Amino acid sequence: MSRGKLMKSAMLGAAAALLVVACGDDGGEGQVTVTAYGESFIEEGIPAEAMKDGWAVTFESFVVTLNDIEVAGVGVADPDPVDLSVPSQGRGHELATVTVPAGVHGDAGFTIARIELQGSATKAGSSRTFDWVLDSPTRYTRCDTKTEVVAGAKATFQVTVHADHLFYDSLVSQEPALLFGALADADTDTDGKLAQSELAAADIGAYDPGNEDIDDLWSWLLGQASTLGHVDGEGHCVAQSAQR
């Protein structure tokens, strides 16, 4: 998804959130099942052909902590952290089911409070492993989606996490490339492990932070982590820091 399309979707999402229709023809109530899904890039990995520099990335675990989920104007009890690397046959992982008024709802939001990921990247016989905790909470609101709830029936609202954004080479480009090479090169002690301290000591090089005050690779990962949250696949939200 291009940055231009992202911005356009976010604007549409803001408008949709203001047009909440909660008065279905039949009235009454229905249910919404809330799920979380990392798509194939988390469950199966990011293949080399998707990366501009030929690295392939796989995740041994990708544990996401979600807080303050709201759908159809109803709050959802904070679920347990969920490992999105566990195969789900395209269904995602069920977090909760809530009863809501029948109608078409656009008032959705959630917070990604923490991401813990372990995995590896490989290219032409070289490999790097990583074990990172990205603990920069981000609140997502005014999401570009509508949840249609029929009285007596069940709908689904999905929090979708796009892990490939971690490897974008720009925070502002309309067409960012997927790269891993700069991260791989931060392994200055050549032990094959990409430690937080190594990334924090490495300059971002040719990466484009736009107006963000980011000059090291660890801060770069945290910045990109704030763009991972989506809804119902490609639906975008307005993201802002939720640091407390």
C-alpha atoms as a PDB file:
ATOM      1  CA  MET A   1       0.000   0.000   0.000  1.00  0.00           C
ATOM      2  CA  SER A   2       1.507   3.325  -1.039  1.00  0.00           C
ATOM      3  CA  ARG A   3       1.953   6.225   1.381  1.00  0.00           C
ATOM      4  CA  GLY A   4      -0.371   8.331  -0.784  1.00  0.00           C
ATOM      5  CA  LYS A   5      -3.096   5.711  -0.610  1.00  0.00           C
ATOM      6  CA  LEU A   6      -2.472   5.378   3.137  1.00  0.00           C
ATOM      7  CA  MET A   7      -3.079   9.087   3.688  1.00  0.00           C
ATOM      8  CA  LYS A   8      -6.175   9.021   1.503  1.00  0.00           C
ATOM      9  CA  SER A   9      -7.536   5.979   3.371  1.00  0.00           C
ATOM     10  CA  ALA A  10      -6.876   7.647   6.724  1.00  0.00           C
ATOM     11  CA  MET A  11      -8.867  10.703   5.589  1.00  0.00           C
ATOM     12  CA  LEU A  12     -11.719   8.495   4.429  1.00  0.00           C
ATOM     13  CA  GLY A  13     -11.551   6.656   7.737  1.00  0.00           C
ATOM     14  CA  ALA A  14     -11.881   9.918   9.652  1.00  0.00           C
ATOM     15  CA  ALA A  15     -15.011  10.753   7.671  1.00  0.00           C
ATOM     16  CA  ALA A  16     -16.446   7.267   8.126  1.00  0.00           C
ATOM     17  CA  ALA A  17     -15.941   7.423  11.879  1.00  0.00           C
ATOM     18  CA  LEU A  18     -18.104  10.532  12.022  1.00  0.00           C
ATOM     19  CA  LEU A  19     -20.906   8.805  10.131  1.00  0.00           C
ATOM     20  CA  VAL A  20     -21.705   6.056  12.608  1.00  0.00           C
ATOM     21  CA  VAL A  21     -25.045   4.531  11.792  1.00  0.00           C
ATOM     22  CA  ALA A  22     -26.342   2.481  14.684  1.00  0.00           C
ATOM     23  CA  CYS A  23     -30.007   2.092  13.802  1.00  0.00           C
ATOM     24  CA  GLY A  24     -30.423  -1.013  11.664  1.00  0.00           C
ATOM     25  CA  ASP A  25     -33.797  -1.710  10.057  1.00  0.00           C
ATOM     26  CA  ASP A  26     -34.593  -4.418  12.569  1.00  0.00           C
ATOM     27  CA  GLY A  27     -33.160  -2.712  15.643  1.00  0.00           C
ATOM     28  CA  GLY A  28     -32.094  -5.086  18.370  1.00  0.00           C
ATOM     29  CA  GLU A  29     -28.601  -6.365  18.975  1.00  0.00           C
ATOM     30  CA  GLY A  30     -26.032  -8.601  17.362  1.00  0.00           C
ATOM     31  CA  GLN A  31     -22.523  -9.743  18.151  1.00  0.00           C
ATOM     32  CA  VAL A  32     -19.070  -8.815  16.905  1.00  0.00           C
ATOM     33  CA  THR A  33     -16.158 -11.230  17.158  1.00  0.00           C
ATOM     34  CA  VAL A  34     -12.848  -9.388  17.431  1.00  0.00           C
ATOM     35  CA  THR A  35      -9.845 -11.105  15.858  1.00  0.00           C
ATOM     36  CA  ALA A  36      -6.160 -10.317  15.281  1.00  0.00           C
ATOM     37  CA  TYR A  37      -4.343 -11.433  12.140  1.00  0.00           C
ATOM     38  CA  GLY A  38      -0.773 -11.048  10.889  1.00  0.00           C
ATOM     39  CA  GLU A  39      -1.474 -12.303   7.362  1.00  0.00           C
ATOM     40  CA  SER A  40       0.967 -14.543   5.485  1.00  0.00           C
ATOM     41  CA  PHE A  41       3.961 -12.237   6.025  1.00  0.00           C
ATOM     42  CA  ILE A  42       3.882 -13.083   9.749  1.00  0.00           C
ATOM     43  CA  GLU A  43       2.530 -16.618   9.618  1.00  0.00           C
ATOM     44  CA  GLU A  44       4.710 -17.769   6.696  1.00  0.00           C
ATOM     45  CA  GLY A  45       7.402 -15.086   6.483  1.00  0.00           C
ATOM     46  CA  ILE A  46       8.402 -12.382   4.018  1.00  0.00           C
ATOM     47  CA  PRO A  47       9.946 -14.049   0.943  1.00  0.00           C
ATOM     48  CA  ALA A  48      13.126 -12.800  -0.716  1.00  0.00           C
ATOM     49  CA  GLU A  49      11.224 -11.784  -3.828  1.00  0.00           C
ATOM     50  CA  ALA A  50       9.184  -9.295  -1.787  1.00  0.00           C
ATOM     51  CA  MET A  51      12.346  -7.611  -0.476  1.00  0.00           C
ATOM     52  CA  LYS A  52      14.233  -5.247  -2.775  1.00  0.00           C
ATOM     53  CA  ASP A  53      17.615  -6.430  -1.463  1.00  0.00           C
ATOM     54  CA  GLY A  54      16.856 -10.157  -1.520  1.00  0.00           C
ATOM     55  CA  TRP A  55      16.763 -10.932   2.205  1.00  0.00           C
ATOM     56  CA  ALA A  56      14.036 -13.315   3.385  1.00  0.00           C
ATOM     57  CA  VAL A  57      12.524 -12.870   6.847  1.00  0.00           C
ATOM     58  CA  THR A  58      10.759 -15.468   8.998  1.00  0.00           C
ATOM     59  CA  PHE A  59       9.208 -15.045  12.425  1.00  0.00           C
ATOM     60  CA  GLU A  60       9.473 -17.664  15.156  1.00  0.00           C
ATOM     61  CA  SER A  61       7.089 -15.601  17.247  1.00  0.00           C
ATOM     62  CA  PHE A  62       5.285 -12.281  16.863  1.00  0.00           C
ATOM     63  CA  VAL A  63       3.478 -11.539  20.111  1.00  0.00           C
ATOM     64  CA  VAL A  64       1.210  -8.492  20.117  1.00  0.00           C
ATOM     65  CA  THR A  65      -0.367  -6.907  23.194  1.00  0.00           C
ATOM     66  CA  LEU A  66      -3.630  -5.132  22.348  1.00  0.00           C
ATOM     67  CA  ASN A  67      -5.413  -2.791  24.745  1.00  0.00           C
ATOM     68  CA  ASP A  68      -8.473  -0.541  24.783  1.00  0.00           C
ATOM     69  CA  ILE A  69     -10.222  -2.142  21.809  1.00  0.00           C
ATOM     70  CA  GLU A  70     -13.499  -0.460  20.878  1.00  0.00           C
ATOM     71  CA  VAL A  71     -15.928  -1.605  18.207  1.00  0.00           C
ATOM     72  CA  ALA A  72     -19.436  -0.329  17.518  1.00  0.00           C
ATOM     73  CA  GLY A  73     -19.118   1.974  20.512  1.00  0.00           C
ATOM     74  CA  VAL A  74     -18.503  -0.937  22.896  1.00  0.00           C
ATOM     75  CA  GLY A  75     -15.282  -1.505  24.830  1.00  0.00           C
ATOM     76  CA  VAL A  76     -13.632  -4.911  24.765  1.00  0.00           C
ATOM     77  CA  ALA A  77     -11.864  -6.369  27.801  1.00  0.00           C
ATOM     78  CA  ASP A  78      -8.106  -6.366  27.211  1.00  0.00           C
ATOM     79  CA  PRO A  79      -7.229  -9.778  25.733  1.00  0.00           C
ATOM     80  CA  ASP A  80      -4.151 -11.823  26.526  1.00  0.00           C
ATOM     81  CA  PRO A  81      -1.149 -11.170  24.275  1.00  0.00           C
ATOM     82  CA  VAL A  82      -1.508 -13.101  21.015  1.00  0.00           C
ATOM     83  CA  ASP A  83       1.214 -14.751  18.917  1.00  0.00           C
ATOM     84  CA  LEU A  84       0.379 -13.869  15.324  1.00  0.00           C
ATOM     85  CA  SER A  85       3.010 -16.259  13.957  1.00  0.00           C
ATOM     86  CA  VAL A  86       0.820 -19.230  14.860  1.00  0.00           C
ATOM     87  CA  PRO A  87      -0.945 -20.436  11.669  1.00  0.00           C
ATOM     88  CA  SER A  88      -4.627 -19.539  11.577  1.00  0.00           C
ATOM     89  CA  GLN A  89      -5.655 -20.749   8.086  1.00  0.00           C
ATOM     90  CA  GLY A  90      -6.473 -17.167   7.175  1.00  0.00           C
ATOM     91  CA  ARG A  91      -8.976 -16.687   9.974  1.00  0.00           C
ATOM     92  CA  GLY A  92      -6.857 -14.771  12.457  1.00  0.00           C
ATOM     93  CA  HIS A  93      -6.959 -15.329  16.209  1.00  0.00           C
ATOM     94  CA  GLU A  94     -10.182 -14.777  18.127  1.00  0.00           C
ATOM     95  CA  LEU A  95      -9.792 -12.288  20.981  1.00  0.00           C
ATOM     96  CA  ALA A  96     -13.330 -11.651  22.229  1.00  0.00           C
ATOM     97  CA  THR A  97     -16.995 -11.465  21.272  1.00  0.00           C
ATOM     98  CA  VAL A  98     -19.154  -8.507  22.321  1.00  0.00           C
ATOM     99  CA  THR A  99     -22.828  -7.677  22.016  1.00  0.00           C
ATOM    100  CA  VAL A 100     -23.545  -4.413  20.198  1.00  0.00           C
ATOM    101  CA  PRO A 101     -26.520  -2.555  18.685  1.00  0.00           C
ATOM    102  CA  ALA A 102     -27.550  -3.698  15.226  1.00  0.00           C
ATOM    103  CA  GLY A 103     -26.515  -1.347  12.452  1.00  0.00           C
ATOM    104  CA  VAL A 104     -23.487  -0.209  10.505  1.00  0.00           C
ATOM    105  CA  HIS A 105     -20.719   1.045  12.767  1.00  0.00           C
ATOM    106  CA  GLY A 106     -17.559   2.985  11.960  1.00  0.00           C
ATOM    107  CA  ASP A 107     -16.401   3.842  15.473  1.00  0.00           C
ATOM    108  CA  ALA A 108     -13.476   1.448  15.952  1.00  0.00           C
ATOM    109  CA  GLY A 109     -10.168   1.891  17.744  1.00  0.00           C
ATOM    110  CA  PHE A 110      -7.426  -0.033  19.515  1.00  0.00           C
ATOM    111  CA  THR A 111      -3.956   0.311  21.008  1.00  0.00           C
ATOM    112  CA  ILE A 112      -0.947  -1.813  20.125  1.00  0.00           C
ATOM    113  CA  ALA A 113       0.831  -1.578  23.458  1.00  0.00           C
ATOM    114  CA  ARG A 114       3.772  -3.891  22.838  1.00  0.00           C
ATOM    115  CA  ILE A 115       5.259  -6.155  20.188  1.00  0.00           C
ATOM    116  CA  GLU A 116       7.693  -8.973  20.999  1.00  0.00           C
ATOM    117  CA  LEU A 117       9.170 -10.651  17.951  1.00  0.00           C
ATOM    118  CA  GLN A 118      11.779 -13.301  17.350  1.00  0.00           C
ATOM    119  CA  GLY A 119      12.980 -14.500  14.000  1.00  0.00           C
ATOM    120  CA  SER A 120      15.704 -14.582  11.401  1.00  0.00           C
ATOM    121  CA  ALA A 121      16.676 -13.196   8.019  1.00  0.00           C
ATOM    122  CA  THR A 122      18.722 -15.014   5.386  1.00  0.00           C
ATOM    123  CA  LYS A 123      20.412 -14.177   2.091  1.00  0.00           C
ATOM    124  CA  ALA A 124      22.950 -16.133   0.035  1.00  0.00           C
ATOM    125  CA  GLY A 125      24.230 -18.175   2.957  1.00  0.00           C
ATOM    126  CA  SER A 126      24.276 -15.259   5.407  1.00  0.00           C
ATOM    127  CA  SER A 127      21.856 -15.089   8.301  1.00  0.00           C
ATOM    128  CA  ARG A 128      20.889 -12.785  11.142  1.00  0.00           C
ATOM    129  CA  THR A 129      18.640 -13.488  14.107  1.00  0.00           C
ATOM    130  CA  PHE A 130      16.653 -10.953  16.096  1.00  0.00           C
ATOM    131  CA  ASP A 131      14.825 -10.898  19.415  1.00  0.00           C
ATOM    132  CA  TRP A 132      13.243  -7.472  19.802  1.00  0.00           C
ATOM    133  CA  VAL A 133      10.728  -5.844  22.123  1.00  0.00           C
ATOM    134  CA  LEU A 134       9.058  -2.823  20.532  1.00  0.00           C
ATOM    135  CA  ASP A 135       7.397  -1.124  23.484  1.00  0.00           C
ATOM    136  CA  SER A 136       6.282   2.186  22.007  1.00  0.00           C
ATOM    137  CA  PRO A 137       2.459   2.054  22.431  1.00  0.00           C
ATOM    138  CA  THR A 138       0.409   3.404  19.533  1.00  0.00           C
ATOM    139  CA  ARG A 139      -3.276   4.293  19.576  1.00  0.00           C
ATOM    140  CA  TYR A 140      -5.259   3.718  16.367  1.00  0.00           C
ATOM    141  CA  THR A 141      -8.567   5.535  15.889  1.00  0.00           C
ATOM    142  CA  ARG A 142     -10.907   6.731  13.109  1.00  0.00           C
ATOM    143  CA  CYS A 143     -10.286   3.507  11.270  1.00  0.00           C
ATOM    144  CA  ASP A 144     -11.282   3.152   7.630  1.00  0.00           C
ATOM    145  CA  THR A 145     -13.827   0.367   8.006  1.00  0.00           C
ATOM    146  CA  LYS A 146     -17.471  -0.268   8.749  1.00  0.00           C
ATOM    147  CA  THR A 147     -18.789  -3.184  10.770  1.00  0.00           C
ATOM    148  CA  GLU A 148     -22.274  -4.254   9.715  1.00  0.00           C
ATOM    149  CA  VAL A 149     -24.169  -5.958  12.524  1.00  0.00           C
ATOM    150  CA  VAL A 150     -27.485  -7.717  11.888  1.00  0.00           C
ATOM    151  CA  ALA A 151     -29.822  -8.323  14.813  1.00  0.00           C
ATOM    152  CA  GLY A 152     -29.361 -11.833  16.153  1.00  0.00           C
ATOM    153  CA  ALA A 153     -26.312 -12.515  13.965  1.00  0.00           C
ATOM    154  CA  LYS A 154     -22.534 -12.300  14.332  1.00  0.00           C
ATOM    155  CA  ALA A 155     -20.071 -10.040  12.497  1.00  0.00           C
ATOM    156  CA  THR A 156     -16.262  -9.861  12.622  1.00  0.00           C
ATOM    157  CA  PHE A 157     -13.895  -6.976  13.281  1.00  0.00           C
ATOM    158  CA  GLN A 158     -10.240  -7.716  12.576  1.00  0.00           C
ATOM    159  CA  VAL A 159      -7.123  -5.983  13.840  1.00  0.00           C
ATOM    160  CA  THR A 160      -4.612  -6.619  11.052  1.00  0.00           C
ATOM    161  CA  VAL A 161      -0.873  -6.228  11.663  1.00  0.00           C
ATOM    162  CA  HIS A 162       1.394  -5.502   8.685  1.00  0.00           C
ATOM    163  CA  ALA A 163       4.861  -6.654   9.760  1.00  0.00           C
ATOM    164  CA  ASP A 164       6.441  -5.720   6.432  1.00  0.00           C
ATOM    165  CA  HIS A 165       6.213  -2.042   7.426  1.00  0.00           C
ATOM    166  CA  LEU A 166       9.071  -2.666   9.843  1.00  0.00           C
ATOM    167  CA  PHE A 167      11.359  -2.996   6.835  1.00  0.00           C
ATOM    168  CA  TYR A 168      10.212   0.024   4.827  1.00  0.00           C
ATOM    169  CA  ASP A 169      13.038   2.337   3.793  1.00  0.00           C
ATOM    170  CA  SER A 170      10.975   5.499   4.289  1.00  0.00           C
ATOM    171  CA  LEU A 171       8.420   6.960   6.669  1.00  0.00           C
ATOM    172  CA  VAL A 172       7.026   9.299   4.023  1.00  0.00           C
ATOM    173  CA  SER A 173       7.545   7.827   0.546  1.00  0.00           C
ATOM    174  CA  GLN A 174       4.480   6.927  -1.478  1.00  0.00           C
ATOM    175  CA  GLU A 175       6.269   3.780  -2.671  1.00  0.00           C
ATOM    176  CA  PRO A 176       8.680   2.603   0.061  1.00  0.00           C
ATOM    177  CA  ALA A 177      10.972  -0.332  -0.636  1.00  0.00           C
ATOM    178  CA  LEU A 178      11.363  -3.343   1.645  1.00  0.00           C
ATOM    179  CA  LEU A 179      14.967  -3.676   2.825  1.00  0.00           C
ATOM    180  CA  PHE A 180      16.826  -5.659   5.479  1.00  0.00           C
ATOM    181  CA  GLY A 181      20.443  -5.052   4.486  1.00  0.00           C
ATOM    182  CA  ALA A 182      21.019  -1.969   6.648  1.00  0.00           C
ATOM    183  CA  LEU A 183      19.787  -3.866   9.704  1.00  0.00           C
ATOM    184  CA  ALA A 184      21.973  -6.851   8.840  1.00  0.00           C
ATOM    185  CA  ASP A 185      25.015  -4.593   8.566  1.00  0.00           C
ATOM    186  CA  ALA A 186      24.486  -3.384  12.143  1.00  0.00           C
ATOM    187  CA  ASP A 187      25.832  -6.717  13.413  1.00  0.00           C
ATOM    188  CA  THR A 188      29.183  -5.176  14.276  1.00  0.00           C
ATOM    189  CA  ASP A 189      30.330  -8.012  16.551  1.00  0.00           C
ATOM    190  CA  THR A 190      29.548 -10.509  13.758  1.00  0.00           C
ATOM    191  CA  ASP A 191      27.813 -12.958  16.067  1.00  0.00           C
ATOM    192  CA  GLY A 192      24.805 -13.162  13.761  1.00  0.00           C
ATOM    193  CA  LYS A 193      22.479 -11.581  16.328  1.00  0.00           C
ATOM    194  CA  LEU A 194      20.997  -8.115  15.858  1.00  0.00           C
ATOM    195  CA  ALA A 195      21.001  -6.676  19.373  1.00  0.00           C
ATOM    196  CA  GLN A 196      19.110  -3.527  20.337  1.00  0.00           C
ATOM    197  CA  SER A 197      22.400  -1.924  21.409  1.00  0.00           C
ATOM    198  CA  GLU A 198      23.912  -2.521  17.961  1.00  0.00           C
ATOM    199  CA  LEU A 199      20.915  -1.034  16.187  1.00  0.00           C
ATOM    200  CA  ALA A 200      20.863   1.954  18.538  1.00  0.00           C
ATOM    201  CA  ALA A 201      24.520   2.619  17.664  1.00  0.00           C
ATOM    202  CA  ALA A 202      23.948   2.412  13.893  1.00  0.00           C
ATOM    203  CA  ASP A 203      23.094   5.427  11.750  1.00  0.00           C
ATOM    204  CA  ILE A 204      19.975   5.192   9.563  1.00  0.00           C
ATOM    205  CA  GLY A 205      22.069   5.873   6.472  1.00  0.00           C
ATOM    206  CA  ALA A 206      19.918   6.287   3.353  1.00  0.00           C
ATOM    207  CA  TYR A 207      16.603   5.665   5.142  1.00  0.00           C
ATOM    208  CA  ASP A 208      14.181   8.590   4.862  1.00  0.00           C
ATOM    209  CA  PRO A 209      12.625   9.715   8.182  1.00  0.00           C
ATOM    210  CA  GLY A 210      10.845  12.735   6.715  1.00  0.00           C
ATOM    211  CA  ASN A 211      10.357  15.273   9.498  1.00  0.00           C
ATOM    212  CA  GLU A 212      10.775  12.733  12.268  1.00  0.00           C
ATOM    213  CA  ASP A 213      13.771  13.142  14.572  1.00  0.00           C
ATOM    214  CA  ILE A 214      15.198   9.663  13.989  1.00  0.00           C
ATOM    215  CA  ASP A 215      18.897   9.027  13.470  1.00  0.00           C
ATOM    216  CA  ASP A 216      19.548   5.448  14.611  1.00  0.00           C
ATOM    217  CA  LEU A 217      18.185   2.095  13.494  1.00  0.00           C
ATOM    218  CA  TRP A 218      16.538   1.152  16.783  1.00  0.00           C
ATOM    219  CA  SER A 219      14.562   4.402  16.791  1.00  0.00           C
ATOM    220  CA  TRP A 220      13.785   3.679  13.147  1.00  0.00           C
ATOM    221  CA  LEU A 221      12.206   0.339  14.048  1.00  0.00           C
ATOM    222  CA  LEU A 222      10.139   1.977  16.773  1.00  0.00           C
ATOM    223  CA  GLY A 223       8.985   4.618  14.310  1.00  0.00           C
ATOM    224  CA  GLN A 224       7.959   2.043  11.736  1.00  0.00           C
ATOM    225  CA  ALA A 225       6.266  -0.049  14.442  1.00  0.00           C
ATOM    226  CA  SER A 226       3.744   2.765  14.882  1.00  0.00           C
ATOM    227  CA  THR A 227       2.470   2.090  11.333  1.00  0.00           C
ATOM    228  CA  LEU A 228       1.756  -1.632  11.716  1.00  0.00           C
ATOM    229  CA  GLY A 229      -1.869  -1.421  12.871  1.00  0.00           C
ATOM    230  CA  HIS A 230      -4.678  -1.802  10.316  1.00  0.00           C
ATOM    231  CA  VAL A 231      -8.249  -3.066  10.332  1.00  0.00           C
ATOM    232  CA  ASP A 232     -10.059  -5.669   8.247  1.00  0.00           C
ATOM    233  CA  GLY A 233      -7.055  -6.186   5.998  1.00  0.00           C
ATOM    234  CA  GLU A 234      -6.095  -2.924   4.301  1.00  0.00           C
ATOM    235  CA  GLY A 235      -8.204  -0.474   6.315  1.00  0.00           C
ATOM    236  CA  HIS A 236      -6.085   2.343   7.734  1.00  0.00           C
ATOM    237  CA  CYS A 237      -6.428   4.288  10.968  1.00  0.00           C
ATOM    238  CA  VAL A 238      -5.129   7.533  12.375  1.00  0.00           C
ATOM    239  CA  ALA A 239      -2.147   6.614  14.576  1.00  0.00           C
ATOM    240  CA  GLN A 240      -0.701   8.553  17.478  1.00  0.00           C
ATOM    241  CA  SER A 241       1.614   7.815  20.358  1.00  0.00           C
ATOM    242  CA  ALA A 242      -0.070   6.273  23.395  1.00  0.00           C
ATOM    243  CA  GLN A 243       2.906   6.651  25.727  1.00  0.00           C
ATOM    244  CA  ARG A 244       1.800   7.097  29.335  1.00  0.00           C
END
